[in-house]
């Protein structure tokens, strides 16, 4: 297995670990962002070809790069930024209402 794919697995596992084990809502949002970044890195690694060029209709290029995963990575970045903004807005609302970002304390205060 190549080193870039190992780094994707490590980032993904680190993000999932952060989401599962942390009690602070802000840290959970950061965990989601780490998972998203690992998936974007995976899309970029899948589409990479050594010596590849842009898919221009010309006969002199033998190795071309598939543009679909790159377009999906850009779409993932835009959607991920929007989802992160919504999650952070919810975290701000929870902090204003309950005065804490700890999940256990919010559950106790919910009543």
C-alpha atoms as a PDB file:
ATOM      1  CA  UNK A   1       0.000   0.000   0.000  1.00  0.00           C
ATOM      2  CA  UNK A   2       1.281   3.440  -0.855  1.00  0.00           C
ATOM      3  CA  UNK A   3       1.979   6.163   1.692  1.00  0.00           C
ATOM      4  CA  UNK A   4      -0.703   8.628   0.448  1.00  0.00           C
ATOM      5  CA  UNK A   5      -3.430   6.004   0.867  1.00  0.00           C
ATOM      6  CA  UNK A   6      -2.155   5.220   4.356  1.00  0.00           C
ATOM      7  CA  UNK A   7      -2.381   8.921   5.195  1.00  0.00           C
ATOM      8  CA  UNK A   8      -6.011   8.920   3.997  1.00  0.00           C
ATOM      9  CA  UNK A   9      -6.790   5.975   6.276  1.00  0.00           C
ATOM     10  CA  UNK A  10      -5.031   7.636   9.222  1.00  0.00           C
ATOM     11  CA  UNK A  11      -6.883  10.936   8.686  1.00  0.00           C
ATOM     12  CA  UNK A  12     -10.220   9.147   8.351  1.00  0.00           C
ATOM     13  CA  UNK A  13      -9.671   7.098  11.508  1.00  0.00           C
ATOM     14  CA  UNK A  14      -8.493  10.185  13.400  1.00  0.00           C
ATOM     15  CA  UNK A  15     -11.650  12.051  12.395  1.00  0.00           C
ATOM     16  CA  UNK A  16     -13.931   9.163  13.364  1.00  0.00           C
ATOM     17  CA  UNK A  17     -12.087   8.804  16.679  1.00  0.00           C
ATOM     18  CA  UNK A  18     -12.570  12.523  17.350  1.00  0.00           C
ATOM     19  CA  UNK A  19     -16.289  12.340  16.546  1.00  0.00           C
ATOM     20  CA  UNK A  20     -16.851   9.305  18.780  1.00  0.00           C
ATOM     21  CA  UNK A  21     -14.733  10.154  21.824  1.00  0.00           C
ATOM     22  CA  UNK A  22     -14.896  13.928  22.279  1.00  0.00           C
ATOM     23  CA  UNK A  23     -17.641  15.582  24.324  1.00  0.00           C
ATOM     24  CA  UNK A  24     -17.043  19.150  23.119  1.00  0.00           C
ATOM     25  CA  UNK A  25     -19.281  20.067  20.174  1.00  0.00           C
ATOM     26  CA  UNK A  26     -16.605  22.214  18.539  1.00  0.00           C
ATOM     27  CA  UNK A  27     -14.170  19.287  18.568  1.00  0.00           C
ATOM     28  CA  UNK A  28     -16.843  17.081  17.001  1.00  0.00           C
ATOM     29  CA  UNK A  29     -17.264  19.603  14.174  1.00  0.00           C
ATOM     30  CA  UNK A  30     -13.488  19.544  13.686  1.00  0.00           C
ATOM     31  CA  UNK A  31     -13.666  15.737  13.508  1.00  0.00           C
ATOM     32  CA  UNK A  32     -16.254  15.967  10.725  1.00  0.00           C
ATOM     33  CA  UNK A  33     -13.976  18.382   8.875  1.00  0.00           C
ATOM     34  CA  UNK A  34     -11.034  15.966   9.197  1.00  0.00           C
ATOM     35  CA  UNK A  35     -13.145  13.111   7.773  1.00  0.00           C
ATOM     36  CA  UNK A  36     -14.232  15.354   4.904  1.00  0.00           C
ATOM     37  CA  UNK A  37     -10.616  16.320   4.179  1.00  0.00           C
ATOM     38  CA  UNK A  38      -9.566  12.678   4.074  1.00  0.00           C
ATOM     39  CA  UNK A  39     -12.293  11.890   1.548  1.00  0.00           C
ATOM     40  CA  UNK A  40     -11.253  14.829  -0.639  1.00  0.00           C
ATOM     41  CA  UNK A  41      -7.660  13.604  -0.485  1.00  0.00           C
ATOM     42  CA  UNK A  42      -8.855  10.136  -1.533  1.00  0.00           C
ATOM     43  CA  UNK A  43     -10.686  11.584  -4.553  1.00  0.00           C
ATOM     44  CA  UNK A  44      -7.565  13.469  -5.601  1.00  0.00           C
ATOM     45  CA  UNK A  45      -5.366  10.381  -5.163  1.00  0.00           C
ATOM     46  CA  UNK A  46      -7.714   8.235  -7.239  1.00  0.00           C
ATOM     47  CA  UNK A  47      -7.625  10.671 -10.140  1.00  0.00           C
ATOM     48  CA  UNK A  48      -3.844  11.211 -10.128  1.00  0.00           C
ATOM     49  CA  UNK A  49      -1.785   9.684 -12.921  1.00  0.00           C
ATOM     50  CA  UNK A  50       1.981  10.254 -13.108  1.00  0.00           C
ATOM     51  CA  UNK A  51       2.828  12.167 -16.267  1.00  0.00           C
ATOM     52  CA  UNK A  52      -0.846  12.838 -17.009  1.00  0.00           C
ATOM     53  CA  UNK A  53      -2.054  16.023 -18.642  1.00  0.00           C
ATOM     54  CA  UNK A  54      -5.370  17.805 -18.918  1.00  0.00           C
ATOM     55  CA  UNK A  55      -7.890  15.994 -21.142  1.00  0.00           C
ATOM     56  CA  UNK A  56      -7.439  18.142 -24.233  1.00  0.00           C
ATOM     57  CA  UNK A  57      -8.433  16.600 -27.539  1.00  0.00           C
ATOM     58  CA  UNK A  58      -4.987  16.268 -29.004  1.00  0.00           C
ATOM     59  CA  UNK A  59      -3.289  13.131 -30.296  1.00  0.00           C
ATOM     60  CA  UNK A  60       0.152  13.901 -28.842  1.00  0.00           C
ATOM     61  CA  UNK A  61      -0.898  13.184 -25.231  1.00  0.00           C
ATOM     62  CA  UNK A  62      -1.070   9.515 -24.326  1.00  0.00           C
ATOM     63  CA  UNK A  63      -1.808   9.779 -20.596  1.00  0.00           C
ATOM     64  CA  UNK A  64      -4.652  12.081 -19.593  1.00  0.00           C
ATOM     65  CA  UNK A  65      -6.137  12.715 -16.163  1.00  0.00           C
ATOM     66  CA  UNK A  66      -9.800  11.968 -15.517  1.00  0.00           C
ATOM     67  CA  UNK A  67     -11.484  15.307 -14.618  1.00  0.00           C
ATOM     68  CA  UNK A  68     -14.554  13.778 -12.922  1.00  0.00           C
ATOM     69  CA  UNK A  69     -12.917  13.048  -9.510  1.00  0.00           C
ATOM     70  CA  UNK A  70     -11.440  16.549  -9.503  1.00  0.00           C
ATOM     71  CA  UNK A  71     -14.873  18.045 -10.149  1.00  0.00           C
ATOM     72  CA  UNK A  72     -16.313  15.856  -7.392  1.00  0.00           C
ATOM     73  CA  UNK A  73     -13.568  17.059  -5.023  1.00  0.00           C
ATOM     74  CA  UNK A  74     -14.452  20.689  -5.750  1.00  0.00           C
ATOM     75  CA  UNK A  75     -18.139  19.944  -5.202  1.00  0.00           C
ATOM     76  CA  UNK A  76     -17.290  18.180  -1.940  1.00  0.00           C
ATOM     77  CA  UNK A  77     -15.320  21.212  -0.768  1.00  0.00           C
ATOM     78  CA  UNK A  78     -18.242  23.561  -1.439  1.00  0.00           C
ATOM     79  CA  UNK A  79     -20.845  21.303   0.176  1.00  0.00           C
ATOM     80  CA  UNK A  80     -18.551  20.529   3.107  1.00  0.00           C
ATOM     81  CA  UNK A  81     -17.968  24.217   3.761  1.00  0.00           C
ATOM     82  CA  UNK A  82     -21.718  24.820   3.812  1.00  0.00           C
ATOM     83  CA  UNK A  83     -22.370  21.892   6.143  1.00  0.00           C
ATOM     84  CA  UNK A  84     -19.564  23.040   8.456  1.00  0.00           C
ATOM     85  CA  UNK A  85     -21.063  26.537   8.551  1.00  0.00           C
ATOM     86  CA  UNK A  86     -24.472  25.110   9.506  1.00  0.00           C
ATOM     87  CA  UNK A  87     -22.909  22.896  12.193  1.00  0.00           C
ATOM     88  CA  UNK A  88     -21.020  25.864  13.636  1.00  0.00           C
ATOM     89  CA  UNK A  89     -24.216  27.958  13.626  1.00  0.00           C
ATOM     90  CA  UNK A  90     -25.940  25.189  15.610  1.00  0.00           C
ATOM     91  CA  UNK A  91     -23.006  25.050  18.025  1.00  0.00           C
ATOM     92  CA  UNK A  92     -23.309  28.810  18.585  1.00  0.00           C
ATOM     93  CA  UNK A  93     -27.060  28.502  19.221  1.00  0.00           C
ATOM     94  CA  UNK A  94     -26.511  25.636  21.684  1.00  0.00           C
ATOM     95  CA  UNK A  95     -23.832  27.632  23.490  1.00  0.00           C
ATOM     96  CA  UNK A  96     -26.107  30.672  23.743  1.00  0.00           C
ATOM     97  CA  UNK A  97     -29.009  28.596  25.072  1.00  0.00           C
ATOM     98  CA  UNK A  98     -27.197  26.264  27.476  1.00  0.00           C
ATOM     99  CA  UNK A  99     -23.964  28.148  28.180  1.00  0.00           C
ATOM    100  CA  UNK A 100     -21.786  25.113  27.468  1.00  0.00           C
ATOM    101  CA  UNK A 101     -20.504  23.023  24.583  1.00  0.00           C
ATOM    102  CA  UNK A 102     -20.216  19.771  26.545  1.00  0.00           C
ATOM    103  CA  UNK A 103     -22.716  17.203  25.267  1.00  0.00           C
ATOM    104  CA  UNK A 104     -23.210  15.569  28.680  1.00  0.00           C
ATOM    105  CA  UNK A 105     -24.026  18.890  30.349  1.00  0.00           C
ATOM    106  CA  UNK A 106     -26.446  19.848  27.563  1.00  0.00           C
ATOM    107  CA  UNK A 107     -28.250  16.522  28.018  1.00  0.00           C
ATOM    108  CA  UNK A 108     -28.534  17.147  31.788  1.00  0.00           C
ATOM    109  CA  UNK A 109     -29.799  20.718  31.296  1.00  0.00           C
ATOM    110  CA  UNK A 110     -32.332  19.692  28.671  1.00  0.00           C
ATOM    111  CA  UNK A 111     -34.709  18.424  31.322  1.00  0.00           C
END
